[in-house]
PDB file of N, CA and C in Angstrom:
ATOM      1  N   MET A   1      -8.436  73.924 -20.866  1.00  0.00           N
ATOM      2  CA  MET A   1      -9.385  74.941 -20.521  1.00  0.00           C
ATOM      3  C   MET A   1     -10.355  75.073 -21.624  1.00  0.00           C
ATOM      4  N   THR A   2     -11.555  75.227 -21.375  1.00  0.00           N
ATOM      5  CA  THR A   2     -12.594  75.411 -22.455  1.00  0.00           C
ATOM      6  C   THR A   2     -12.498  76.698 -23.045  1.00  0.00           C
ATOM      7  N   THR A   3     -13.100  76.854 -24.225  1.00  0.00           N
ATOM      8  CA  THR A   3     -13.194  78.134 -24.845  1.00  0.00           C
ATOM      9  C   THR A   3     -13.952  79.214 -24.119  1.00  0.00           C
ATOM     10  N   LEU A   4     -15.081  78.742 -23.560  1.00  0.00           N
ATOM     11  CA  LEU A   4     -15.838  79.714 -22.726  1.00  0.00           C
ATOM     12  C   LEU A   4     -15.042  80.235 -21.528  1.00  0.00           C
ATOM     13  N   LEU A   5     -14.381  79.331 -20.816  1.00  0.00           N
ATOM     14  CA  LEU A   5     -13.673  79.771 -19.613  1.00  0.00           C
ATOM     15  C   LEU A   5     -12.564  80.654 -20.042  1.00  0.00           C
ATOM     16  N   LYS A   6     -11.900  80.407 -21.070  1.00  0.00           N
ATOM     17  CA  LYS A   6     -10.792  81.238 -21.559  1.00  0.00           C
ATOM     18  C   LYS A   6     -11.347  82.691 -21.904  1.00  0.00           C
ATOM     19  N   GLN A   7     -12.579  82.743 -22.586  1.00  0.00           N
ATOM     20  CA  GLN A   7     -13.269  83.994 -22.898  1.00  0.00           C
ATOM     21  C   GLN A   7     -13.497  84.800 -21.563  1.00  0.00           C
ATOM     22  N   ALA A   8     -14.050  83.989 -20.529  1.00  0.00           N
ATOM     23  CA  ALA A   8     -14.269  84.685 -19.255  1.00  0.00           C
ATOM     24  C   ALA A   8     -13.022  85.246 -18.582  1.00  0.00           C
ATOM     25  N   PHE A   9     -11.964  84.486 -18.726  1.00  0.00           N
ATOM     26  CA  PHE A   9     -10.708  84.911 -18.068  1.00  0.00           C
ATOM     27  C   PHE A   9     -10.135  86.176 -18.882  1.00  0.00           C
ATOM     28  N   ASP A  10     -10.248  86.055 -20.204  1.00  0.00           N
ATOM     29  CA  ASP A  10      -9.808  87.213 -20.989  1.00  0.00           C
ATOM     30  C   ASP A  10     -10.625  88.480 -20.696  1.00  0.00           C
ATOM     31  N   ALA A  11     -11.895  88.283 -20.491  1.00  0.00           N
ATOM     32  CA  ALA A  11     -12.702  89.450 -20.166  1.00  0.00           C
ATOM     33  C   ALA A  11     -12.404  89.932 -18.794  1.00  0.00           C
ATOM     34  N   ALA A  12     -12.207  89.086 -17.791  1.00  0.00           N
ATOM     35  CA  ALA A  12     -11.835  89.393 -16.461  1.00  0.00           C
ATOM     36  C   ALA A  12     -10.473  90.233 -16.305  1.00  0.00           C
ATOM     37  N   ALA A  13      -9.558  89.775 -17.246  1.00  0.00           N
ATOM     38  CA  ALA A  13      -8.208  90.419 -17.242  1.00  0.00           C
ATOM     39  C   ALA A  13      -8.302  91.833 -17.597  1.00  0.00           C
ATOM     40  N   LYS A  14      -9.388  92.259 -18.237  1.00  0.00           N
ATOM     41  CA  LYS A  14      -9.525  93.655 -18.629  1.00  0.00           C
ATOM     42  C   LYS A  14     -10.120  94.568 -17.466  1.00  0.00           C
ATOM     43  N   LEU A  15     -10.584  93.955 -16.399  1.00  0.00           N
ATOM     44  CA  LEU A  15     -11.222  94.620 -15.306  1.00  0.00           C
ATOM     45  C   LEU A  15     -10.129  95.239 -14.435  1.00  0.00           C
ATOM     46  N   PRO A  16     -10.417  96.281 -13.663  1.00  0.00           N
ATOM     47  CA  PRO A  16      -9.392  96.840 -12.714  1.00  0.00           C
ATOM     48  C   PRO A  16      -9.022  95.724 -11.793  1.00  0.00           C
ATOM     49  N   PRO A  17      -7.790  95.911 -11.160  1.00  0.00           N
ATOM     50  CA  PRO A  17      -7.329  94.905 -10.253  1.00  0.00           C
ATOM     51  C   PRO A  17      -8.213  94.574  -9.025  1.00  0.00           C
ATOM     52  N   ALA A  18      -8.856  95.494  -8.526  1.00  0.00           N
ATOM     53  CA  ALA A  18      -9.850  95.302  -7.400  1.00  0.00           C
ATOM     54  C   ALA A  18     -10.902  94.415  -7.727  1.00  0.00           C
ATOM     55  N   GLU A  19     -11.520  94.796  -8.985  1.00  0.00           N
ATOM     56  CA  GLU A  19     -12.531  93.859  -9.384  1.00  0.00           C
ATOM     57  C   GLU A  19     -12.121  92.477  -9.842  1.00  0.00           C
ATOM     58  N   GLN A  20     -10.844  92.418 -10.378  1.00  0.00           N
ATOM     59  CA  GLN A  20     -10.340  91.015 -10.659  1.00  0.00           C
ATOM     60  C   GLN A  20     -10.177  90.175  -9.342  1.00  0.00           C
ATOM     61  N   ASP A  21      -9.712  90.893  -8.218  1.00  0.00           N
ATOM     62  CA  ASP A  21      -9.571  90.077  -7.032  1.00  0.00           C
ATOM     63  C   ASP A  21     -10.905  89.681  -6.420  1.00  0.00           C
ATOM     64  N   LEU A  22     -11.878  90.563  -6.636  1.00  0.00           N
ATOM     65  CA  LEU A  22     -13.274  90.221  -6.078  1.00  0.00           C
ATOM     66  C   LEU A  22     -13.800  89.032  -6.862  1.00  0.00           C
ATOM     67  N   LEU A  23     -13.628  89.105  -8.140  1.00  0.00           N
ATOM     68  CA  LEU A  23     -14.166  87.976  -9.021  1.00  0.00           C
ATOM     69  C   LEU A  23     -13.368  86.632  -8.727  1.00  0.00           C
ATOM     70  N   ALA A  24     -12.022  86.826  -8.510  1.00  0.00           N
ATOM     71  CA  ALA A  24     -11.251  85.621  -8.198  1.00  0.00           C
ATOM     72  C   ALA A  24     -11.694  84.978  -6.809  1.00  0.00           C
ATOM     73  N   MET A  25     -12.016  85.841  -5.902  1.00  0.00           N
ATOM     74  CA  MET A  25     -12.483  85.345  -4.565  1.00  0.00           C
ATOM     75  C   MET A  25     -13.839  84.656  -4.732  1.00  0.00           C
ATOM     76  N   ARG A  26     -14.700  85.204  -5.590  1.00  0.00           N
ATOM     77  CA  ARG A  26     -16.038  84.515  -5.812  1.00  0.00           C
ATOM     78  C   ARG A  26     -15.851  83.114  -6.540  1.00  0.00           C
ATOM     79  N   VAL A  27     -15.009  83.127  -7.448  1.00  0.00           N
ATOM     80  CA  VAL A  27     -14.807  81.748  -8.268  1.00  0.00           C
ATOM     81  C   VAL A  27     -14.108  80.785  -7.261  1.00  0.00           C
ATOM     82  N   LEU A  28     -13.212  81.227  -6.451  1.00  0.00           N
ATOM     83  CA  LEU A  28     -12.559  80.270  -5.540  1.00  0.00           C
ATOM     84  C   LEU A  28     -13.498  79.805  -4.432  1.00  0.00           C
ATOM     85  N   ALA A  29     -14.424  80.694  -4.019  1.00  0.00           N
ATOM     86  CA  ALA A  29     -15.433  80.326  -2.985  1.00  0.00           C
ATOM     87  C   ALA A  29     -16.412  79.312  -3.587  1.00  0.00           C
ATOM     88  N   GLU A  30     -16.726  79.573  -4.856  1.00  0.00           N
ATOM     89  CA  GLU A  30     -17.684  78.671  -5.573  1.00  0.00           C
ATOM     90  C   GLU A  30     -17.080  77.276  -5.697  1.00  0.00           C
ATOM     91  N   ILE A  31     -15.833  77.218  -6.119  1.00  0.00           N
ATOM     92  CA  ILE A  31     -15.186  75.893  -6.208  1.00  0.00           C
ATOM     93  C   ILE A  31     -15.005  75.256  -4.922  1.00  0.00           C
ATOM     94  N   ALA A  32     -14.718  76.027  -3.905  1.00  0.00           N
ATOM     95  CA  ALA A  32     -14.619  75.428  -2.529  1.00  0.00           C
ATOM     96  C   ALA A  32     -16.111  74.872  -1.990  1.00  0.00           C
ATOM     97  N   ALA A  33     -17.119  75.626  -2.301  1.00  0.00           N
ATOM     98  CA  ALA A  33     -18.473  75.185  -1.966  1.00  0.00           C
ATOM     99  C   ALA A  33     -18.802  73.948  -2.727  1.00  0.00           C
ATOM    100  N   GLU A  34     -18.455  73.813  -3.963  1.00  0.00           N
ATOM    101  CA  GLU A  34     -18.778  72.598  -4.715  1.00  0.00           C
ATOM    102  C   GLU A  34     -18.000  71.446  -4.172  1.00  0.00           C
ATOM    103  N   ASP A  35     -16.752  71.626  -3.789  1.00  0.00           N
ATOM    104  CA  ASP A  35     -15.940  70.517  -3.196  1.00  0.00           C
ATOM    105  C   ASP A  35     -16.582  70.097  -1.887  1.00  0.00           C
ATOM    106  N   SER A  36     -16.984  71.040  -1.033  1.00  0.00           N
ATOM    107  CA  SER A  36     -17.720  70.709   0.230  1.00  0.00           C
ATOM    108  C   SER A  36     -18.934  70.020   0.013  1.00  0.00           C
ATOM    109  N   PHE A  37     -19.746  70.388  -1.068  1.00  0.00           N
ATOM    110  CA  PHE A  37     -20.955  69.648  -1.265  1.00  0.00           C
ATOM    111  C   PHE A  37     -20.700  68.270  -1.711  1.00  0.00           C
ATOM    112  N   ASP A  38     -19.731  68.032  -2.655  1.00  0.00           N
ATOM    113  CA  ASP A  38     -19.366  66.746  -2.992  1.00  0.00           C
ATOM    114  C   ASP A  38     -18.997  65.870  -1.882  1.00  0.00           C
ATOM    115  N   GLU A  39     -18.060  66.392  -0.945  1.00  0.00           N
ATOM    116  CA  GLU A  39     -17.611  65.613   0.107  1.00  0.00           C
ATOM    117  C   GLU A  39     -18.817  65.310   1.034  1.00  0.00           C
ATOM    118  N   ALA A  40     -19.780  66.197   1.268  1.00  0.00           N
ATOM    119  CA  ALA A  40     -20.904  65.955   2.190  1.00  0.00           C
ATOM    120  C   ALA A  40     -21.807  64.809   1.555  1.00  0.00           C
ATOM    121  N   ILE A  41     -21.986  64.907   0.289  1.00  0.00           N
ATOM    122  CA  ILE A  41     -22.692  63.831  -0.356  1.00  0.00           C
ATOM    123  C   ILE A  41     -22.159  62.438  -0.291  1.00  0.00           C
ATOM    124  N   ALA A  42     -20.789  62.451  -0.486  1.00  0.00           N
ATOM    125  CA  ALA A  42     -19.985  61.163  -0.454  1.00  0.00           C
ATOM    126  C   ALA A  42     -20.045  60.699   1.038  1.00  0.00           C
ATOM    127  N   ALA A  43     -20.118  61.504   2.071  1.00  0.00           N
ATOM    128  CA  ALA A  43     -20.095  61.080   3.401  1.00  0.00           C
ATOM    129  C   ALA A  43     -21.457  60.536   3.851  1.00  0.00           C
ATOM    130  N   THR A  44     -22.529  60.869   3.082  1.00  0.00           N
ATOM    131  CA  THR A  44     -23.860  60.483   3.492  1.00  0.00           C
ATOM    132  C   THR A  44     -24.456  59.436   2.510  1.00  0.00           C
ATOM    133  N   THR A  45     -23.663  58.924   1.671  1.00  0.00           N
ATOM    134  CA  THR A  45     -24.234  57.899   0.745  1.00  0.00           C
ATOM    135  C   THR A  45     -24.916  56.758   1.335  1.00  0.00           C
ATOM    136  N   HIS A  46     -24.360  56.238   2.483  1.00  0.00           N
ATOM    137  CA  HIS A  46     -24.960  55.148   3.072  1.00  0.00           C
ATOM    138  C   HIS A  46     -26.436  55.568   3.705  1.00  0.00           C
ATOM    139  N   LYS A  47     -26.405  56.691   4.128  1.00  0.00           N
ATOM    140  CA  LYS A  47     -27.660  57.226   4.699  1.00  0.00           C
ATOM    141  C   LYS A  47     -28.801  57.412   3.601  1.00  0.00           C
ATOM    142  N   LEU A  48     -28.275  57.984   2.483  1.00  0.00           N
ATOM    143  CA  LEU A  48     -29.216  58.194   1.332  1.00  0.00           C
ATOM    144  C   LEU A  48     -29.833  56.736   0.860  1.00  0.00           C
ATOM    145  N   ARG A  49     -28.891  55.761   0.800  1.00  0.00           N
ATOM    146  CA  ARG A  49     -29.163  54.520   0.366  1.00  0.00           C
ATOM    147  C   ARG A  49     -30.340  53.829   1.272  1.00  0.00           C
ATOM    148  N   SER A  50     -30.012  54.013   2.533  1.00  0.00           N
ATOM    149  CA  SER A  50     -30.980  53.474   3.546  1.00  0.00           C
ATOM    150  C   SER A  50     -32.352  54.177   3.459  1.00  0.00           C
ATOM    151  N   LEU A  51     -32.321  55.478   3.273  1.00  0.00           N
ATOM    152  CA  LEU A  51     -33.666  56.244   3.032  1.00  0.00           C
ATOM    153  C   LEU A  51     -34.322  55.809   1.889  1.00  0.00           C
ATOM    154  N   ALA A  52     -33.609  55.618   0.710  1.00  0.00           N
ATOM    155  CA  ALA A  52     -34.272  55.082  -0.549  1.00  0.00           C
ATOM    156  C   ALA A  52     -34.800  53.772  -0.236  1.00  0.00           C
ATOM    157  N   ALA A  53     -34.062  52.836   0.283  1.00  0.00           N
ATOM    158  CA  ALA A  53     -34.535  51.517   0.571  1.00  0.00           C
ATOM    159  C   ALA A  53     -35.842  51.588   1.401  1.00  0.00           C
ATOM    160  N   ASP A  54     -35.829  52.309   2.461  1.00  0.00           N
ATOM    161  CA  ASP A  54     -37.015  52.549   3.267  1.00  0.00           C
ATOM    162  C   ASP A  54     -38.241  52.973   2.434  1.00  0.00           C
ATOM    163  N   ALA A  55     -38.013  53.967   1.671  1.00  0.00           N
ATOM    164  CA  ALA A  55     -39.117  54.496   0.767  1.00  0.00           C
ATOM    165  C   ALA A  55     -39.620  53.479  -0.234  1.00  0.00           C
ATOM    166  N   LEU A  56     -38.719  52.700  -0.783  1.00  0.00           N
ATOM    167  CA  LEU A  56     -39.189  51.740  -1.759  1.00  0.00           C
ATOM    168  C   LEU A  56     -39.910  50.499  -1.001  1.00  0.00           C
ATOM    169  N   ALA A  57     -39.572  50.224   0.215  1.00  0.00           N
ATOM    170  CA  ALA A  57     -40.209  49.249   0.989  1.00  0.00           C
ATOM    171  C   ALA A  57     -41.643  49.620   1.291  1.00  0.00           C
ATOM    172  N   GLU A  58     -41.775  50.977   1.782  1.00  0.00           N
ATOM    173  CA  GLU A  58     -43.086  51.512   2.057  1.00  0.00           C
ATOM    174  C   GLU A  58     -43.991  51.538   0.821  1.00  0.00           C
ATOM    175  N   HIS A  59     -43.427  51.870  -0.258  1.00  0.00           N
ATOM    176  CA  HIS A  59     -44.265  51.822  -1.498  1.00  0.00           C
ATOM    177  C   HIS A  59     -44.622  50.375  -1.922  1.00  0.00           C
ATOM    178  N   ALA A  60     -43.747  49.472  -1.818  1.00  0.00           N
ATOM    179  CA  ALA A  60     -44.005  48.072  -2.090  1.00  0.00           C
ATOM    180  C   ALA A  60     -45.113  47.484  -1.170  1.00  0.00           C
ATOM    181  N   ALA A  61     -45.107  48.028   0.110  1.00  0.00           N
ATOM    182  CA  ALA A  61     -46.052  47.533   1.077  1.00  0.00           C
ATOM    183  C   ALA A  61     -47.445  48.286   0.938  1.00  0.00           C
ATOM    184  N   GLY A  62     -47.490  49.132  -0.007  1.00  0.00           N
ATOM    185  CA  GLY A  62     -48.754  49.835  -0.252  1.00  0.00           C
ATOM    186  C   GLY A  62     -49.009  51.029   0.669  1.00  0.00           C
ATOM    187  N   HIS A  63     -48.052  51.444   1.352  1.00  0.00           N
ATOM    188  CA  HIS A  63     -48.155  52.630   2.278  1.00  0.00           C
ATOM    189  C   HIS A  63     -47.931  53.953   1.681  1.00  0.00           C
ATOM    190  N   THR A  64     -47.957  54.048   0.382  1.00  0.00           N
ATOM    191  CA  THR A  64     -47.819  55.282  -0.313  1.00  0.00           C
ATOM    192  C   THR A  64     -48.999  55.732  -1.106  1.00  0.00           C
ATOM    193  N   ARG A  65     -49.116  56.966  -1.581  1.00  0.00           N
ATOM    194  CA  ARG A  65     -50.119  57.251  -2.519  1.00  0.00           C
ATOM    195  C   ARG A  65     -49.699  58.260  -3.512  1.00  0.00           C
ATOM    196  N   PRO A  66     -50.074  58.359  -4.697  1.00  0.00           N
ATOM    197  CA  PRO A  66     -49.594  59.192  -5.633  1.00  0.00           C
ATOM    198  C   PRO A  66     -49.833  60.647  -5.287  1.00  0.00           C
ATOM    199  N   LEU A  67     -48.871  61.413  -5.773  1.00  0.00           N
ATOM    200  CA  LEU A  67     -48.904  62.876  -5.621  1.00  0.00           C
ATOM    201  C   LEU A  67     -49.930  63.456  -6.593  1.00  0.00           C
ATOM    202  N   GLU A  68     -50.683  64.496  -6.250  1.00  0.00           N
ATOM    203  CA  GLU A  68     -51.677  65.002  -7.152  1.00  0.00           C
ATOM    204  C   GLU A  68     -51.048  66.408  -7.719  1.00  0.00           C
TER     205      GLU A  68
END
Protein backbone atom coordinates (compact mmCIF):
# COMPACT_ATOMS: atom_id res chain seq x y z
CA MET A 1 0.00 0.00 0.00
CA THR A 2 1.35 3.41 -0.87
CA THR A 3 1.91 6.08 1.74
CA LEU A 4 -0.78 8.29 0.23
CA LEU A 5 -3.36 5.52 0.19
CA LYS A 6 -2.56 4.69 3.83
CA GLN A 7 -3.04 8.36 4.72
CA ALA A 8 -6.39 8.35 2.95
CA PHE A 9 -7.53 5.21 4.79
CA ASP A 10 -6.34 6.62 8.12
CA ALA A 11 -8.32 9.80 7.48
CA ALA A 12 -11.37 7.81 6.37
CA ALA A 13 -11.21 5.71 9.54
CA LYS A 14 -11.91 8.87 11.54
CA LEU A 15 -15.20 9.50 9.73
CA PRO A 16 -18.55 8.39 11.15
CA PRO A 17 -19.54 4.85 10.05
CA ALA A 18 -22.17 6.05 7.56
CA GLU A 19 -19.62 8.30 5.84
CA GLN A 20 -17.06 5.48 5.82
CA ASP A 21 -19.59 3.23 4.09
CA LEU A 22 -20.41 5.93 1.53
CA LEU A 23 -16.73 6.47 0.80
CA ALA A 24 -16.17 2.71 0.53
CA MET A 25 -19.04 2.40 -1.97
CA ARG A 26 -17.54 5.22 -4.06
CA VAL A 27 -14.07 3.65 -4.05
CA LEU A 28 -15.45 0.22 -4.98
CA ALA A 29 -17.58 1.74 -7.75
CA GLU A 30 -14.53 3.56 -9.12
CA ILE A 31 -12.48 0.37 -9.13
CA ALA A 32 -15.31 -1.52 -10.86
CA ALA A 33 -15.65 1.22 -13.47
CA GLU A 34 -11.91 1.12 -14.15
CA ASP A 35 -12.04 -2.66 -14.55
CA SER A 36 -15.00 -2.34 -16.93
CA PHE A 37 -13.17 0.29 -18.98
CA ASP A 38 -10.06 -1.88 -19.23
CA GLU A 39 -12.17 -4.86 -20.34
CA ALA A 40 -13.99 -2.74 -22.93
CA ILE A 41 -10.72 -1.49 -24.39
CA ALA A 42 -9.26 -4.99 -24.46
CA ALA A 43 -12.37 -6.29 -26.24
CA THR A 44 -12.14 -3.62 -28.96
CA THR A 45 -8.39 -3.64 -29.62
CA HIS A 46 -8.86 -5.20 -33.05
CA LYS A 47 -11.39 -2.50 -33.98
CA LEU A 48 -9.07 0.27 -32.82
CA ARG A 49 -6.19 -1.20 -34.82
CA SER A 50 -8.38 -1.35 -37.91
CA LEU A 51 -9.49 2.26 -37.50
CA ALA A 52 -5.88 3.38 -37.00
CA ALA A 53 -4.78 1.50 -40.12
CA ASP A 54 -7.60 3.10 -42.12
CA ALA A 55 -6.62 6.56 -40.90
CA LEU A 56 -2.96 6.02 -41.75
CA ALA A 57 -3.89 4.74 -45.21
CA GLU A 58 -6.06 7.80 -45.85
CA HIS A 59 -3.21 10.05 -44.75
CA ALA A 60 -0.68 8.22 -46.92
CA ALA A 61 -3.05 8.57 -49.90
CA GLY A 62 -3.23 12.33 -49.37
CA HIS A 63 -6.88 12.35 -48.28
CA THR A 64 -6.23 14.29 -45.08
CA ARG A 65 -5.44 17.87 -44.23
CA PRO A 66 -3.79 19.48 -41.19
CA LEU A 67 -5.96 20.73 -38.36
CA GLU A 68 -5.84 24.46 -37.84
